[in-house]
Amino acid sequence: MKEIDTDFRQDIALPWITFSLFWFILIICLGISMRLSYAFNIVLPTPIDFTRHAHSHTAFWAWAGPAFFGFILAFLIENTKRSKVFETILFWLIQINSLLALLSFILSGYSKLSIVFSSGMVFIWLSFSFYSIYAGKKLNKNLLLFALIRLSILMLTVSTLPTFLIPVSVATGFGTEMLRTISIHFFLDCYSEGWLYIMSFALFIFLIEKNEKTKVSNAGKMLLLSSIPLLILVSLRSNVFLFSNPIQWIILCASFLWGILQIIAIAPFIRRNLHYSFYCVIIFVLIKAILDMLIGIPVFTKFVQSKMFAVLYLHLKLLGIMSIILSLFIAKVYSPESKKFHYSKNSILLGVCFSLIALSFIALASIATFSINEIFDLNAFWFYGQILAFSAALLILLGVIILFVSCFYFSN
């Protein structure tokens, strides 16, 4: 099959992507089980909190992250410096650690055992970061895309730094709850916003350049520039939203600037003649950018601090942006002419849209005031939101299974 790019090695990325899709299927199944439990009070074999921890953590380190690793190893690494032994060991360490971490979360929740395997994943990320820096190509015809990828790797490395405080604090009992909370928030912001989100944007630019045979410059420059307020933001917004603290005004300015730069970065693509799946990503990026600007405003504090807003926001990034981009990339590389791709793509797109709508209903029902309750039946909002989320998850599951089968047959 013809390569999508002369610098991209399909054979190297394939096992990473195939296993990532397998983990994505497991993640969706966990989500489906939780929706059934919420909607119909079905008792799961393990506590719902344990299932939720397994679902969220596995989504972070077994789906999007390793899929991006596969892309980087196939695109960024210099062949003369490539170590197949190291890459193989790294690959199986991620799979084994992900499995052990998943089982530990399901069986014991957020415990010392699950933290041990979570910490193990941090060392794997650091190993990958150092390897990609050592073996990465120094020059390429697309310097901007390389700069975005290297920036995302840098953010991955930075995100691991405070996580070393968590296992020490839990194991020894030393340190306050605030210290652990700040460490976790810093990791989540830096890992999801810096590593996963910027890497998603780089892959988005990669796909558009391959489709249109033209270079994309302004978008990448704006995203590189946005790393400055982003670093300020992830360093400071772990605190509570109290505007009596001057730091919160810095958070507000950084949040607003981060949102504006995202809009500037994605806006040029609106006028291009792209496939409708790309416009779905653009819409979700714009929504995310607006939410980022609203995060620091006091009037939205109650909504922002609610647990369901966090769930909605994370699904917007992981499903609405990252998963769609990854799905488009996988289909473009491994089944560009297959009709199965079109069924998979449409199934995933519809599922993601319905899922985000459902989570919006659930989030509104969770924070609504009594005045709203007099007009709308919040229990109905919650119930039908769960049913819609369940149906959407089935659509996504169908699309991902088709992608997984396509990749499996491609390898054979």
Foldseek 3Di string as FASTA:
>chain_A
DDFLDPQFDPVQLLVLQLQLLVLVLVLLVLVLVLLCCQQVVDDDPADNLLSVQLNVVSLQQRHLPSSLLSRCVRHWFDPVLDDPVVSVVLSVLSVVLNVQLSVCSRVPNPALSNLVSVLVSLVSLVVSLVSSVVGTDPDDPQVLLVVLQNQLSVLSNVLSVLSVVQSVCRVVVDDDPLSNLLNVQLNVLSSLVRNQQSSLVSLLQVVVCSVVVDHDDLLSVLVVVLVVLSVLQSNPVSDAQDVVDVSLVSNLVSLLSSLVSLCRNLVVCVPDPDDVLSVQQSVLSNVLSVVSNCPSPVVCRLLNPDPLSVVLSVLSRSQSGSVLSSLVVLCVRQPVPDPLSVLLNVLSSQLSVLLSVLSVLLSCLVRPDVVVCVVDVSVVSNNVSSVSNSVSSVSNSVSSVSSSVSSVVSSD
